[in-house]
């Protein structure tokens, strides 16, 4: 029985190492081009996406981890309020970040994620 337990644990451990949904801790940071801005809240949110480890589990334009959902076009799917709630509280395998983000970091992350859309950004009045 001991041998069976050791074999089972070893097998599960090996599967966990090679599993495609494991966090990718060595993902290269998103570039300014991938972020889509070189200053402002979208840029800061993209930097926070890198620095807070979101990229370890989530993919943007085929870049990053595979454990969490692909966020390439998340701005088309979720509202700012929904994104805020999900970041703060987590979901399924994602931990909540409510206790670790400042209000500014949260706002910037939401701005970055809302910018991730299929449709081109609309011109704002006065632009």
Protein backbone atom coordinates (compact mmCIF):
# COMPACT_ATOMS: atom_id res chain seq x y z
CA UNK A 1 0.00 0.00 0.00
CA UNK A 2 2.85 2.38 0.81
CA UNK A 3 4.35 1.76 -2.62
CA UNK A 4 0.99 2.49 -4.25
CA UNK A 5 0.66 5.78 -2.34
CA UNK A 6 4.21 6.81 -3.29
CA UNK A 7 3.58 5.86 -6.93
CA UNK A 8 0.31 7.83 -6.98
CA UNK A 9 1.88 10.92 -5.40
CA UNK A 10 4.87 10.73 -7.76
CA UNK A 11 2.59 10.40 -10.78
CA UNK A 12 0.44 13.36 -9.75
CA UNK A 13 3.55 15.42 -9.04
CA UNK A 14 4.98 14.63 -12.49
CA UNK A 15 1.69 15.51 -14.18
CA UNK A 16 1.61 18.80 -12.30
CA UNK A 17 5.08 19.75 -13.54
CA UNK A 18 4.27 19.27 -17.22
CA UNK A 19 0.64 20.33 -17.12
CA UNK A 20 -0.17 22.96 -19.80
CA UNK A 21 -2.37 24.89 -17.37
CA UNK A 22 0.37 25.48 -14.82
CA UNK A 23 1.35 29.10 -14.22
CA UNK A 24 4.14 30.27 -16.52
CA UNK A 25 6.41 31.99 -14.00
CA UNK A 26 8.99 32.95 -16.61
CA UNK A 27 6.61 34.68 -19.04
CA UNK A 28 8.24 37.65 -20.74
CA UNK A 29 6.62 40.97 -19.78
CA UNK A 30 4.22 42.59 -22.23
CA UNK A 31 5.85 45.25 -24.38
CA UNK A 32 4.44 48.78 -24.74
CA UNK A 33 3.21 47.73 -28.19
CA UNK A 34 1.35 44.76 -26.71
CA UNK A 35 -0.04 46.98 -23.95
CA UNK A 36 -1.25 49.44 -26.56
CA UNK A 37 -0.02 52.59 -24.84
CA UNK A 38 3.23 54.12 -23.65
CA UNK A 39 1.81 56.26 -20.83
CA UNK A 40 -1.36 56.82 -18.83
CA UNK A 41 -3.69 54.39 -17.05
CA UNK A 42 -3.73 51.76 -19.81
CA UNK A 43 0.07 51.64 -19.82
CA UNK A 44 0.27 51.57 -16.01
CA UNK A 45 -2.36 48.80 -15.96
CA UNK A 46 -0.32 46.79 -18.45
CA UNK A 47 2.77 47.19 -16.28
CA UNK A 48 0.74 46.13 -13.22
CA UNK A 49 -0.54 43.13 -15.24
CA UNK A 50 3.11 42.12 -15.58
CA UNK A 51 4.27 43.07 -12.07
CA UNK A 52 1.36 41.54 -10.15
CA UNK A 53 1.78 38.19 -11.91
CA UNK A 54 -1.46 38.21 -13.94
CA UNK A 55 0.60 37.23 -16.98
CA UNK A 56 1.69 34.01 -15.28
CA UNK A 57 -1.80 32.56 -15.70
CA UNK A 58 -3.51 34.71 -18.34
CA UNK A 59 -2.74 35.11 -22.04
CA UNK A 60 -2.77 38.38 -23.96
CA UNK A 61 -2.35 38.01 -27.74
CA UNK A 62 -0.88 34.51 -27.31
CA UNK A 63 1.65 35.75 -24.74
CA UNK A 64 1.66 34.54 -21.13
CA UNK A 65 0.25 31.62 -19.18
CA UNK A 66 -2.49 29.15 -20.00
CA UNK A 67 -4.02 28.42 -16.60
CA UNK A 68 -6.56 31.25 -16.59
CA UNK A 69 -8.82 32.53 -19.34
CA UNK A 70 -7.39 34.28 -22.40
CA UNK A 71 -7.85 38.01 -21.77
CA UNK A 72 -6.98 39.22 -25.27
CA UNK A 73 -10.53 40.53 -25.86
CA UNK A 74 -11.81 40.70 -22.28
CA UNK A 75 -12.93 44.32 -22.80
CA UNK A 76 -15.64 43.02 -25.16
CA UNK A 77 -16.96 40.54 -22.60
CA UNK A 78 -16.95 42.20 -19.18
CA UNK A 79 -17.90 45.65 -17.92
CA UNK A 80 -15.60 47.73 -15.73
CA UNK A 81 -17.68 46.76 -12.69
CA UNK A 82 -17.45 43.06 -13.55
CA UNK A 83 -13.69 43.30 -14.04
CA UNK A 84 -13.30 45.15 -10.74
CA UNK A 85 -15.36 42.53 -8.90
CA UNK A 86 -13.41 39.64 -10.44
CA UNK A 87 -10.01 41.18 -9.68
CA UNK A 88 -11.01 42.00 -6.10
CA UNK A 89 -12.71 38.69 -5.29
CA UNK A 90 -11.10 36.19 -7.65
CA UNK A 91 -12.89 33.22 -9.13
CA UNK A 92 -12.49 29.47 -9.65
CA UNK A 93 -8.68 29.07 -9.51
CA UNK A 94 -7.89 32.80 -9.35
CA UNK A 95 -7.15 34.34 -5.96
CA UNK A 96 -8.73 37.66 -5.02
CA UNK A 97 -6.42 40.68 -5.09
CA UNK A 98 -8.64 43.01 -3.05
CA UNK A 99 -6.19 43.18 -0.18
CA UNK A 100 -3.04 43.64 -2.27
CA UNK A 101 -3.89 46.33 -4.84
CA UNK A 102 -4.14 50.06 -4.28
CA UNK A 103 -7.17 51.87 -5.70
CA UNK A 104 -4.89 53.33 -8.40
CA UNK A 105 -3.52 49.91 -9.38
CA UNK A 106 -7.03 48.48 -9.56
CA UNK A 107 -8.27 51.39 -11.67
CA UNK A 108 -5.28 51.08 -14.02
CA UNK A 109 -5.70 47.31 -14.38
CA UNK A 110 -9.36 47.76 -15.26
CA UNK A 111 -8.45 50.47 -17.81
CA UNK A 112 -5.89 48.13 -19.40
CA UNK A 113 -8.30 45.19 -19.53
CA UNK A 114 -11.16 47.34 -20.89
CA UNK A 115 -8.82 48.43 -23.70
CA UNK A 116 -8.50 44.79 -24.80
CA UNK A 117 -11.20 44.72 -27.49
CA UNK A 118 -11.69 43.53 -31.07
CA UNK A 119 -13.27 46.78 -32.14
CA UNK A 120 -11.16 49.93 -32.56
CA UNK A 121 -11.34 52.50 -29.81
CA UNK A 122 -13.96 55.15 -30.47
CA UNK A 123 -12.87 58.75 -30.69
CA UNK A 124 -13.84 60.71 -27.63
CA UNK A 125 -15.58 64.08 -28.04
CA UNK A 126 -12.99 66.83 -28.32
CA UNK A 127 -10.24 64.58 -29.69
